[in-house]
Amino acid sequence: MSKQNRYSPEVRERAVRMALDHEGEYSSQWLGIVSIAGKIGCNPETLRNWVRQTERDRGTRSGLTSDDRARLKELERENRELRRANEILRKASAFFAQAELDRRPR
């Protein structure tokens, strides 16, 4: 199942830039995010997530960067595939070992 992005990268980048640039004009970051999200037509929580990820990518907030997150996702996928392949090989080995034991000696 693929997730379709409703907003272009340019819109995301502009919204995040606006939220970070106008942060001082509001009593809290959340109020600024709510105001800007209303202007660009997205959910405030979505914009908050974009802002948080940008802060992580810039190193101003702790957590996984976008590159680290993509690498981790790729490694987890590879790990799942290898576990699946190992399970298939383990079952095939047991099947052929049992077949060898069941053969009649000549």
N, C-alpha and C. Protein backbone atom coordinates (compact mmCIF):
# COMPACT_ATOMS: atom_id res chain seq x y z
N MET A 1 0.85 -1.17 0.00
CA MET A 1 0.00 0.00 0.00
C MET A 1 0.90 1.23 0.00
N SER A 2 0.78 2.05 -1.00
CA SER A 2 1.62 3.24 -1.07
C SER A 2 0.84 4.45 -0.58
N LYS A 3 1.58 5.33 0.05
CA LYS A 3 0.96 6.55 0.58
C LYS A 3 1.14 7.66 -0.44
N GLN A 4 0.06 8.31 -0.81
CA GLN A 4 0.12 9.39 -1.77
C GLN A 4 0.34 10.70 -1.02
N ASN A 5 1.32 11.47 -1.47
CA ASN A 5 1.58 12.77 -0.86
C ASN A 5 0.61 13.79 -1.44
N ARG A 6 -0.13 14.44 -0.54
CA ARG A 6 -1.11 15.43 -0.99
C ARG A 6 -0.46 16.76 -1.29
N TYR A 7 0.71 17.01 -0.68
CA TYR A 7 1.35 18.30 -0.81
C TYR A 7 2.71 18.12 -1.50
N SER A 8 2.99 19.00 -2.42
CA SER A 8 4.26 18.93 -3.14
C SER A 8 5.41 19.28 -2.18
N PRO A 9 6.62 18.84 -2.50
CA PRO A 9 7.77 19.19 -1.65
C PRO A 9 7.95 20.70 -1.51
N GLU A 10 7.61 21.45 -2.55
CA GLU A 10 7.74 22.90 -2.49
C GLU A 10 6.79 23.51 -1.46
N VAL A 11 5.55 23.01 -1.43
CA VAL A 11 4.57 23.50 -0.46
C VAL A 11 5.02 23.15 0.95
N ARG A 12 5.49 21.92 1.14
CA ARG A 12 5.98 21.50 2.46
C ARG A 12 7.12 22.39 2.92
N GLU A 13 8.09 22.59 2.02
CA GLU A 13 9.26 23.40 2.36
C GLU A 13 8.87 24.84 2.71
N ARG A 14 7.97 25.39 1.93
CA ARG A 14 7.54 26.77 2.17
C ARG A 14 6.79 26.89 3.50
N ALA A 15 5.92 25.92 3.77
CA ALA A 15 5.15 25.96 5.02
C ALA A 15 6.07 25.84 6.23
N VAL A 16 7.04 24.95 6.15
CA VAL A 16 7.98 24.78 7.27
C VAL A 16 8.81 26.05 7.45
N ARG A 17 9.28 26.62 6.34
CA ARG A 17 10.07 27.85 6.41
C ARG A 17 9.26 28.96 7.06
N MET A 18 7.98 29.08 6.65
CA MET A 18 7.11 30.11 7.25
C MET A 18 6.94 29.88 8.74
N ALA A 19 6.73 28.62 9.13
CA ALA A 19 6.51 28.30 10.54
C ALA A 19 7.75 28.64 11.37
N LEU A 20 8.92 28.32 10.83
CA LEU A 20 10.16 28.59 11.58
C LEU A 20 10.51 30.07 11.58
N ASP A 21 10.26 30.76 10.47
CA ASP A 21 10.58 32.19 10.37
C ASP A 21 9.68 33.04 11.26
N HIS A 22 8.41 32.68 11.39
CA HIS A 22 7.45 33.49 12.13
C HIS A 22 7.20 32.96 13.54
N GLU A 23 8.11 32.12 14.00
CA GLU A 23 7.96 31.51 15.32
C GLU A 23 7.90 32.56 16.44
N GLY A 24 8.69 33.60 16.32
CA GLY A 24 8.74 34.63 17.37
C GLY A 24 7.52 35.53 17.42
N GLU A 25 6.70 35.51 16.39
CA GLU A 25 5.53 36.38 16.34
C GLU A 25 4.34 35.82 17.13
N TYR A 26 4.44 34.60 17.59
CA TYR A 26 3.35 33.95 18.32
C TYR A 26 3.83 33.57 19.71
N SER A 27 2.89 33.42 20.63
CA SER A 27 3.27 33.10 22.01
C SER A 27 3.79 31.67 22.15
N SER A 28 3.45 30.82 21.21
CA SER A 28 3.99 29.45 21.21
C SER A 28 4.17 28.99 19.77
N GLN A 29 5.02 28.00 19.61
CA GLN A 29 5.23 27.47 18.26
C GLN A 29 3.94 26.87 17.71
N TRP A 30 3.16 26.23 18.58
CA TRP A 30 1.92 25.59 18.14
C TRP A 30 0.94 26.60 17.55
N LEU A 31 0.81 27.77 18.18
CA LEU A 31 -0.11 28.79 17.66
C LEU A 31 0.33 29.26 16.29
N GLY A 32 1.63 29.40 16.08
CA GLY A 32 2.14 29.77 14.76
C GLY A 32 1.85 28.69 13.74
N ILE A 33 2.03 27.44 14.13
CA ILE A 33 1.77 26.31 13.23
C ILE A 33 0.29 26.27 12.85
N VAL A 34 -0.59 26.48 13.83
CA VAL A 34 -2.04 26.47 13.56
C VAL A 34 -2.40 27.57 12.58
N SER A 35 -1.83 28.75 12.78
CA SER A 35 -2.14 29.88 11.91
C SER A 35 -1.66 29.62 10.48
N ILE A 36 -0.45 29.14 10.33
CA ILE A 36 0.12 28.91 9.00
C ILE A 36 -0.57 27.72 8.32
N ALA A 37 -0.88 26.68 9.08
CA ALA A 37 -1.57 25.52 8.50
C ALA A 37 -2.92 25.94 7.92
N GLY A 38 -3.61 26.83 8.60
CA GLY A 38 -4.89 27.32 8.09
C GLY A 38 -4.73 28.09 6.78
N LYS A 39 -3.63 28.79 6.65
CA LYS A 39 -3.40 29.57 5.43
C LYS A 39 -3.05 28.70 4.23
N ILE A 40 -2.32 27.60 4.46
CA ILE A 40 -1.95 26.75 3.32
C ILE A 40 -2.93 25.60 3.11
N GLY A 41 -3.85 25.43 4.05
CA GLY A 41 -4.90 24.42 3.89
C GLY A 41 -4.50 23.01 4.27
N CYS A 42 -3.66 22.87 5.29
CA CYS A 42 -3.31 21.53 5.77
C CYS A 42 -3.65 21.42 7.25
N ASN A 43 -3.61 20.23 7.73
CA ASN A 43 -3.88 19.96 9.13
C ASN A 43 -2.70 20.48 9.97
N PRO A 44 -2.96 21.15 11.10
CA PRO A 44 -1.86 21.65 11.93
C PRO A 44 -0.92 20.54 12.41
N GLU A 45 -1.46 19.38 12.70
CA GLU A 45 -0.61 18.27 13.16
C GLU A 45 0.35 17.83 12.06
N THR A 46 -0.11 17.86 10.82
CA THR A 46 0.75 17.53 9.69
C THR A 46 1.91 18.51 9.60
N LEU A 47 1.60 19.78 9.69
CA LEU A 47 2.65 20.81 9.63
C LEU A 47 3.59 20.67 10.82
N ARG A 48 3.06 20.36 11.99
CA ARG A 48 3.91 20.18 13.17
C ARG A 48 4.90 19.04 12.94
N ASN A 49 4.42 17.94 12.34
CA ASN A 49 5.32 16.82 12.04
C ASN A 49 6.40 17.23 11.05
N TRP A 50 6.04 18.01 10.05
CA TRP A 50 7.03 18.49 9.08
C TRP A 50 8.08 19.36 9.76
N VAL A 51 7.63 20.25 10.64
CA VAL A 51 8.54 21.14 11.35
C VAL A 51 9.48 20.33 12.24
N ARG A 52 8.93 19.36 12.97
CA ARG A 52 9.76 18.53 13.85
C ARG A 52 10.82 17.76 13.05
N GLN A 53 10.43 17.20 11.91
CA GLN A 53 11.38 16.44 11.10
C GLN A 53 12.46 17.36 10.54
N THR A 54 12.09 18.56 10.12
CA THR A 54 13.08 19.52 9.63
C THR A 54 14.05 19.89 10.74
N GLU A 55 13.54 20.07 11.96
CA GLU A 55 14.42 20.38 13.09
C GLU A 55 15.38 19.22 13.35
N ARG A 56 14.91 17.98 13.22
CA ARG A 56 15.80 16.82 13.40
C ARG A 56 16.86 16.78 12.30
N ASP A 57 16.45 17.07 11.07
CA ASP A 57 17.39 17.05 9.95
C ASP A 57 18.46 18.12 10.10
N ARG A 58 18.10 19.26 10.68
CA ARG A 58 19.05 20.35 10.88
C ARG A 58 19.91 20.15 12.13
N GLY A 59 19.53 19.20 12.98
CA GLY A 59 20.29 18.94 14.19
C GLY A 59 19.89 19.76 15.39
N THR A 60 18.80 20.51 15.30
CA THR A 60 18.34 21.32 16.43
C THR A 60 17.42 20.55 17.36
N ARG A 61 17.02 19.35 16.97
CA ARG A 61 16.16 18.50 17.80
C ARG A 61 16.72 17.08 17.73
N SER A 62 16.67 16.37 18.84
CA SER A 62 17.19 15.01 18.85
C SER A 62 16.23 14.06 18.13
N GLY A 63 16.78 13.00 17.59
CA GLY A 63 15.96 12.01 16.89
C GLY A 63 16.61 11.62 15.57
N LEU A 64 15.96 10.71 14.87
CA LEU A 64 16.49 10.22 13.60
C LEU A 64 16.26 11.24 12.49
N THR A 65 17.30 11.47 11.70
CA THR A 65 17.14 12.33 10.54
C THR A 65 16.41 11.56 9.45
N SER A 66 16.01 12.25 8.42
CA SER A 66 15.30 11.60 7.31
C SER A 66 16.18 10.53 6.66
N ASP A 67 17.47 10.83 6.49
CA ASP A 67 18.38 9.85 5.90
C ASP A 67 18.53 8.62 6.79
N ASP A 68 18.68 8.86 8.09
CA ASP A 68 18.79 7.73 9.03
C ASP A 68 17.52 6.89 9.03
N ARG A 69 16.38 7.57 8.99
CA ARG A 69 15.10 6.86 8.99
C ARG A 69 14.94 6.01 7.73
N ALA A 70 15.34 6.54 6.57
CA ALA A 70 15.25 5.78 5.32
C ALA A 70 16.20 4.59 5.36
N ARG A 71 17.40 4.79 5.88
CA ARG A 71 18.39 3.70 5.97
C ARG A 71 17.88 2.61 6.92
N LEU A 72 17.32 3.01 8.04
CA LEU A 72 16.78 2.04 9.00
C LEU A 72 15.65 1.24 8.37
N LYS A 73 14.78 1.90 7.64
CA LYS A 73 13.67 1.22 6.98
C LYS A 73 14.18 0.19 5.97
N GLU A 74 15.21 0.57 5.20
CA GLU A 74 15.81 -0.35 4.22
C GLU A 74 16.45 -1.55 4.92
N LEU A 75 17.16 -1.31 6.01
CA LEU A 75 17.79 -2.41 6.75
C LEU A 75 16.75 -3.36 7.36
N GLU A 76 15.66 -2.80 7.87
CA GLU A 76 14.59 -3.64 8.42
C GLU A 76 13.95 -4.49 7.34
N ARG A 77 13.75 -3.92 6.15
CA ARG A 77 13.19 -4.69 5.03
C ARG A 77 14.14 -5.82 4.63
N GLU A 78 15.42 -5.50 4.53
CA GLU A 78 16.42 -6.51 4.18
C GLU A 78 16.47 -7.62 5.23
N ASN A 79 16.39 -7.24 6.50
CA ASN A 79 16.40 -8.20 7.59
C ASN A 79 15.20 -9.15 7.50
N ARG A 80 14.01 -8.61 7.21
CA ARG A 80 12.82 -9.45 7.04
C ARG A 80 13.00 -10.45 5.91
N GLU A 81 13.54 -9.98 4.79
CA GLU A 81 13.75 -10.87 3.64
C GLU A 81 14.74 -11.98 3.98
N LEU A 82 15.81 -11.64 4.68
CA LEU A 82 16.80 -12.66 5.05
C LEU A 82 16.23 -13.67 6.04
N ARG A 83 15.44 -13.20 6.99
CA ARG A 83 14.80 -14.13 7.94
C ARG A 83 13.85 -15.09 7.20
N ARG A 84 13.11 -14.54 6.25
CA ARG A 84 12.20 -15.37 5.46
C ARG A 84 12.98 -16.42 4.65
N ALA A 85 14.07 -16.00 4.03
CA ALA A 85 14.89 -16.93 3.25
C ALA A 85 15.51 -18.00 4.15
N ASN A 86 15.97 -17.61 5.33
CA ASN A 86 16.54 -18.59 6.27
C ASN A 86 15.50 -19.60 6.71
N GLU A 87 14.29 -19.15 6.94
CA GLU A 87 13.22 -20.06 7.35
C GLU A 87 12.91 -21.06 6.24
N ILE A 88 12.88 -20.59 5.00
CA ILE A 88 12.64 -21.50 3.86
C ILE A 88 13.76 -22.53 3.77
N LEU A 89 15.00 -22.08 3.89
CA LEU A 89 16.15 -23.00 3.83
C LEU A 89 16.14 -24.00 4.98
N ARG A 90 15.76 -23.55 6.16
CA ARG A 90 15.69 -24.45 7.33
C ARG A 90 14.64 -25.54 7.10
N LYS A 91 13.48 -25.16 6.58
CA LYS A 91 12.43 -26.14 6.31
C LYS A 91 12.83 -27.10 5.20
N ALA A 92 13.47 -26.59 4.15
CA ALA A 92 13.92 -27.44 3.05
C ALA A 92 14.97 -28.43 3.54
N SER A 93 15.88 -27.98 4.38
CA SER A 93 16.92 -28.86 4.93
C SER A 93 16.29 -29.97 5.76
N ALA A 94 15.33 -29.63 6.60
CA ALA A 94 14.66 -30.65 7.42
C ALA A 94 13.90 -31.63 6.54
N PHE A 95 13.26 -31.14 5.49
CA PHE A 95 12.52 -32.02 4.58
C PHE A 95 13.45 -33.03 3.92
N PHE A 96 14.58 -32.54 3.38
CA PHE A 96 15.50 -33.44 2.68
C PHE A 96 16.23 -34.36 3.65
N ALA A 97 16.49 -33.92 4.87
CA ALA A 97 17.11 -34.80 5.87
C ALA A 97 16.15 -35.92 6.23
N GLN A 98 14.88 -35.60 6.38
CA GLN A 98 13.88 -36.63 6.70
C GLN A 98 13.74 -37.60 5.53
N ALA A 99 13.75 -37.11 4.32
CA ALA A 99 13.65 -37.96 3.14
C ALA A 99 14.84 -38.91 3.05
N GLU A 100 16.01 -38.46 3.45
CA GLU A 100 17.21 -39.30 3.44
C GLU A 100 17.08 -40.41 4.48
N LEU A 101 16.51 -40.10 5.61
CA LEU A 101 16.32 -41.11 6.67
C LEU A 101 15.25 -42.15 6.26
N ASP A 102 14.27 -41.72 5.50
CA ASP A 102 13.18 -42.60 5.12
C ASP A 102 13.56 -43.54 3.97
N ARG A 103 14.65 -43.28 3.29
CA ARG A 103 15.07 -44.15 2.19
C ARG A 103 15.48 -45.51 2.72
N ARG A 104 15.18 -46.53 1.95
CA ARG A 104 15.57 -47.89 2.36
C ARG A 104 17.02 -48.14 1.98
N PRO A 105 17.76 -48.74 2.86
CA PRO A 105 19.13 -49.10 2.50
C PRO A 105 19.11 -50.25 1.48
N ARG A 106 20.02 -50.32 0.56
CA ARG A 106 20.06 -51.38 -0.46
C ARG A 106 21.07 -52.41 -0.12
